[in-house]
Amino acid sequence: MTRMVNCVLLKKEAPGLDKAPYGGELGKRIFENVSKEAWQMWVRHQVMLLNEYRLTPVEPAHRKRLEYEMEKFLFGEGSEKPKEFVAPK
């Protein structure tokens, strides 16, 4: 049976993640409050951030920036796209 969550991003009940996608308290919070669909939305946004800002997850400062943007995207006011970003056609 599919585990359901009240997704904070989609503002509705939706299928939840199978496991915590991130470590620590943030990962637990994501697992309990974010749906699979919302997580995939974040993953797509994260890829755009990685590419546009030339971030690499192995750099501690870059990881911290991505974590900050993830919290904003999922639980806050949202994560903005870079001003220079042009969506592919």
N, C-alpha and C. Protein backbone atom coordinates (compact mmCIF):
# COMPACT_ATOMS: atom_id res chain seq x y z
N MET A 1 0.84 -1.18 0.00
CA MET A 1 0.00 0.00 0.00
C MET A 1 0.89 1.24 0.00
N THR A 2 0.49 2.23 -0.75
CA THR A 2 1.24 3.46 -0.88
C THR A 2 1.08 4.33 0.36
N ARG A 3 2.20 4.83 0.85
CA ARG A 3 2.19 5.74 2.00
C ARG A 3 1.81 7.12 1.50
N MET A 4 0.81 7.73 2.14
CA MET A 4 0.33 9.05 1.75
C MET A 4 0.83 10.10 2.74
N VAL A 5 1.08 11.30 2.23
CA VAL A 5 1.48 12.43 3.07
C VAL A 5 0.64 13.65 2.67
N ASN A 6 0.49 14.56 3.59
CA ASN A 6 -0.09 15.86 3.26
C ASN A 6 1.07 16.73 2.80
N CYS A 7 1.23 16.84 1.50
CA CYS A 7 2.39 17.51 0.92
C CYS A 7 2.34 19.02 1.14
N VAL A 8 3.40 19.54 1.73
CA VAL A 8 3.47 20.97 2.03
C VAL A 8 3.63 21.81 0.76
N LEU A 9 4.19 21.24 -0.28
CA LEU A 9 4.39 22.00 -1.50
C LEU A 9 3.14 21.98 -2.38
N LEU A 10 2.56 20.80 -2.56
CA LEU A 10 1.39 20.68 -3.42
C LEU A 10 0.09 21.05 -2.71
N LYS A 11 0.15 21.14 -1.39
CA LYS A 11 -1.02 21.48 -0.58
C LYS A 11 -2.17 20.48 -0.76
N LYS A 12 -1.80 19.19 -0.84
CA LYS A 12 -2.80 18.14 -0.95
C LYS A 12 -2.19 16.82 -0.51
N GLU A 13 -3.05 15.83 -0.28
CA GLU A 13 -2.58 14.51 0.06
C GLU A 13 -2.08 13.83 -1.21
N ALA A 14 -0.90 13.23 -1.13
CA ALA A 14 -0.28 12.61 -2.29
C ALA A 14 0.64 11.49 -1.83
N PRO A 15 1.02 10.56 -2.73
CA PRO A 15 1.93 9.48 -2.37
C PRO A 15 3.26 10.03 -1.85
N GLY A 16 3.71 9.46 -0.72
CA GLY A 16 4.95 9.90 -0.10
C GLY A 16 6.16 9.17 -0.64
N LEU A 17 7.30 9.63 -0.24
CA LEU A 17 8.57 9.01 -0.63
C LEU A 17 8.73 7.65 0.04
N ASP A 18 9.50 6.77 -0.58
CA ASP A 18 9.74 5.44 -0.03
C ASP A 18 10.74 5.46 1.11
N LYS A 19 11.64 6.42 1.08
CA LYS A 19 12.64 6.57 2.14
C LYS A 19 13.08 8.03 2.17
N ALA A 20 13.74 8.41 3.25
CA ALA A 20 14.23 9.78 3.38
C ALA A 20 15.27 10.03 2.29
N PRO A 21 15.10 11.09 1.51
CA PRO A 21 16.03 11.37 0.42
C PRO A 21 17.27 12.16 0.84
N TYR A 22 17.31 12.52 2.11
CA TYR A 22 18.37 13.38 2.62
C TYR A 22 18.61 12.99 4.06
N GLY A 23 19.79 13.23 4.56
CA GLY A 23 20.12 12.84 5.92
C GLY A 23 19.63 13.80 6.99
N GLY A 24 19.71 13.37 8.22
CA GLY A 24 19.44 14.21 9.37
C GLY A 24 17.99 14.62 9.54
N GLU A 25 17.81 15.69 10.33
CA GLU A 25 16.47 16.20 10.63
C GLU A 25 15.75 16.71 9.38
N LEU A 26 16.50 17.33 8.47
CA LEU A 26 15.89 17.82 7.24
C LEU A 26 15.34 16.66 6.43
N GLY A 27 16.09 15.58 6.33
CA GLY A 27 15.63 14.40 5.61
C GLY A 27 14.37 13.82 6.22
N LYS A 28 14.31 13.79 7.54
CA LYS A 28 13.12 13.28 8.24
C LYS A 28 11.92 14.18 7.95
N ARG A 29 12.14 15.48 7.98
CA ARG A 29 11.08 16.44 7.70
C ARG A 29 10.57 16.30 6.26
N ILE A 30 11.48 16.10 5.33
CA ILE A 30 11.10 15.90 3.92
C ILE A 30 10.28 14.62 3.80
N PHE A 31 10.76 13.54 4.39
CA PHE A 31 10.08 12.25 4.31
C PHE A 31 8.66 12.34 4.83
N GLU A 32 8.46 13.08 5.90
CA GLU A 32 7.14 13.17 6.53
C GLU A 32 6.20 14.16 5.85
N ASN A 33 6.73 15.12 5.09
CA ASN A 33 5.89 16.22 4.60
C ASN A 33 5.94 16.50 3.10
N VAL A 34 6.74 15.76 2.35
CA VAL A 34 6.90 16.04 0.92
C VAL A 34 6.53 14.80 0.12
N SER A 35 5.75 15.00 -0.93
CA SER A 35 5.33 13.88 -1.78
C SER A 35 6.41 13.54 -2.81
N LYS A 36 6.24 12.39 -3.45
CA LYS A 36 7.16 11.99 -4.52
C LYS A 36 7.15 13.02 -5.64
N GLU A 37 5.96 13.49 -6.00
CA GLU A 37 5.83 14.47 -7.07
C GLU A 37 6.57 15.76 -6.73
N ALA A 38 6.40 16.25 -5.52
CA ALA A 38 7.07 17.49 -5.10
C ALA A 38 8.58 17.29 -5.05
N TRP A 39 9.02 16.12 -4.61
CA TRP A 39 10.46 15.85 -4.56
C TRP A 39 11.05 15.88 -5.98
N GLN A 40 10.34 15.31 -6.94
CA GLN A 40 10.82 15.33 -8.32
C GLN A 40 10.87 16.76 -8.86
N MET A 41 9.93 17.60 -8.44
CA MET A 41 9.96 19.01 -8.83
C MET A 41 11.24 19.66 -8.30
N TRP A 42 11.59 19.34 -7.04
CA TRP A 42 12.83 19.87 -6.46
C TRP A 42 14.04 19.36 -7.22
N VAL A 43 14.07 18.08 -7.55
CA VAL A 43 15.22 17.50 -8.25
C VAL A 43 15.45 18.23 -9.58
N ARG A 44 14.39 18.49 -10.32
CA ARG A 44 14.52 19.23 -11.59
C ARG A 44 15.04 20.65 -11.34
N HIS A 45 14.53 21.30 -10.31
CA HIS A 45 14.99 22.66 -9.97
C HIS A 45 16.46 22.63 -9.54
N GLN A 46 16.82 21.63 -8.77
CA GLN A 46 18.20 21.50 -8.30
C GLN A 46 19.17 21.32 -9.47
N VAL A 47 18.80 20.53 -10.46
CA VAL A 47 19.66 20.33 -11.63
C VAL A 47 19.89 21.67 -12.33
N MET A 48 18.82 22.46 -12.45
CA MET A 48 18.94 23.78 -13.07
C MET A 48 19.91 24.65 -12.25
N LEU A 49 19.77 24.63 -10.91
CA LEU A 49 20.67 25.42 -10.06
C LEU A 49 22.11 24.95 -10.21
N LEU A 50 22.32 23.64 -10.22
CA LEU A 50 23.67 23.10 -10.38
C LEU A 50 24.30 23.59 -11.69
N ASN A 51 23.52 23.54 -12.75
CA ASN A 51 24.04 23.94 -14.06
C ASN A 51 24.24 25.45 -14.17
N GLU A 52 23.26 26.22 -13.76
CA GLU A 52 23.34 27.67 -13.94
C GLU A 52 24.39 28.33 -13.05
N TYR A 53 24.52 27.83 -11.82
CA TYR A 53 25.49 28.41 -10.88
C TYR A 53 26.82 27.65 -10.86
N ARG A 54 26.92 26.62 -11.71
CA ARG A 54 28.14 25.81 -11.79
C ARG A 54 28.52 25.25 -10.40
N LEU A 55 27.52 24.70 -9.72
CA LEU A 55 27.74 24.14 -8.38
C LEU A 55 28.17 22.69 -8.49
N THR A 56 28.91 22.24 -7.50
CA THR A 56 29.29 20.84 -7.40
C THR A 56 29.02 20.38 -5.97
N PRO A 57 28.27 19.29 -5.81
CA PRO A 57 27.91 18.83 -4.47
C PRO A 57 29.08 18.40 -3.58
N VAL A 58 30.26 18.21 -4.15
CA VAL A 58 31.40 17.81 -3.32
C VAL A 58 31.98 18.99 -2.55
N GLU A 59 31.68 20.21 -2.99
CA GLU A 59 32.16 21.41 -2.29
C GLU A 59 31.23 21.71 -1.12
N PRO A 60 31.74 21.78 0.10
CA PRO A 60 30.88 22.06 1.26
C PRO A 60 30.04 23.33 1.12
N ALA A 61 30.60 24.38 0.60
CA ALA A 61 29.84 25.63 0.44
C ALA A 61 28.70 25.46 -0.57
N HIS A 62 28.95 24.70 -1.63
CA HIS A 62 27.92 24.45 -2.63
C HIS A 62 26.81 23.58 -2.06
N ARG A 63 27.18 22.57 -1.28
CA ARG A 63 26.18 21.71 -0.62
C ARG A 63 25.30 22.53 0.31
N LYS A 64 25.93 23.43 1.07
CA LYS A 64 25.19 24.29 1.99
C LYS A 64 24.21 25.17 1.22
N ARG A 65 24.64 25.72 0.10
CA ARG A 65 23.77 26.54 -0.74
C ARG A 65 22.60 25.72 -1.26
N LEU A 66 22.86 24.51 -1.74
CA LEU A 66 21.79 23.66 -2.25
C LEU A 66 20.80 23.28 -1.14
N GLU A 67 21.31 23.01 0.05
CA GLU A 67 20.43 22.69 1.17
C GLU A 67 19.55 23.88 1.51
N TYR A 68 20.12 25.07 1.50
CA TYR A 68 19.36 26.29 1.76
C TYR A 68 18.25 26.46 0.72
N GLU A 69 18.61 26.28 -0.55
CA GLU A 69 17.63 26.41 -1.63
C GLU A 69 16.56 25.32 -1.54
N MET A 70 16.95 24.12 -1.13
CA MET A 70 16.00 23.02 -0.98
C MET A 70 14.96 23.35 0.09
N GLU A 71 15.42 23.87 1.22
CA GLU A 71 14.48 24.24 2.29
C GLU A 71 13.54 25.35 1.82
N LYS A 72 14.07 26.34 1.11
CA LYS A 72 13.23 27.41 0.58
C LYS A 72 12.20 26.86 -0.41
N PHE A 73 12.65 25.98 -1.30
CA PHE A 73 11.79 25.43 -2.34
C PHE A 73 10.66 24.60 -1.74
N LEU A 74 11.01 23.72 -0.80
CA LEU A 74 10.02 22.79 -0.25
C LEU A 74 9.18 23.37 0.87
N PHE A 75 9.78 24.20 1.74
CA PHE A 75 9.10 24.64 2.95
C PHE A 75 8.93 26.15 3.08
N GLY A 76 9.58 26.90 2.23
CA GLY A 76 9.56 28.34 2.38
C GLY A 76 8.84 29.04 1.25
N GLU A 77 9.39 30.18 0.89
CA GLU A 77 8.76 31.02 -0.12
C GLU A 77 9.10 30.60 -1.55
N GLY A 78 9.89 29.55 -1.69
CA GLY A 78 10.28 29.07 -3.01
C GLY A 78 11.69 29.49 -3.36
N SER A 79 12.30 28.76 -4.24
CA SER A 79 13.66 29.02 -4.68
C SER A 79 13.58 29.67 -6.07
N GLU A 80 14.17 30.83 -6.21
CA GLU A 80 14.11 31.57 -7.46
C GLU A 80 15.07 30.99 -8.49
N LYS A 81 14.69 31.12 -9.74
CA LYS A 81 15.58 30.77 -10.84
C LYS A 81 16.57 31.92 -11.01
N PRO A 82 17.78 31.64 -11.46
CA PRO A 82 18.75 32.71 -11.71
C PRO A 82 18.18 33.69 -12.73
N LYS A 83 18.51 34.95 -12.61
CA LYS A 83 18.03 35.98 -13.54
C LYS A 83 18.41 35.68 -14.97
N GLU A 84 19.57 35.06 -15.16
CA GLU A 84 20.08 34.77 -16.50
C GLU A 84 19.47 33.51 -17.11
N PHE A 85 18.69 32.74 -16.34
CA PHE A 85 18.18 31.46 -16.79
C PHE A 85 17.19 31.63 -17.95
N VAL A 86 17.43 30.86 -19.00
CA VAL A 86 16.52 30.81 -20.14
C VAL A 86 16.09 29.35 -20.29
N ALA A 87 14.80 29.11 -20.16
CA ALA A 87 14.29 27.74 -20.25
C ALA A 87 14.53 27.18 -21.65
N PRO A 88 14.94 25.90 -21.73
CA PRO A 88 15.14 25.28 -23.05
C PRO A 88 13.80 25.15 -23.77
N LYS A 89 13.87 25.22 -25.08
CA LYS A 89 12.64 25.14 -25.88
C LYS A 89 12.38 23.74 -26.34
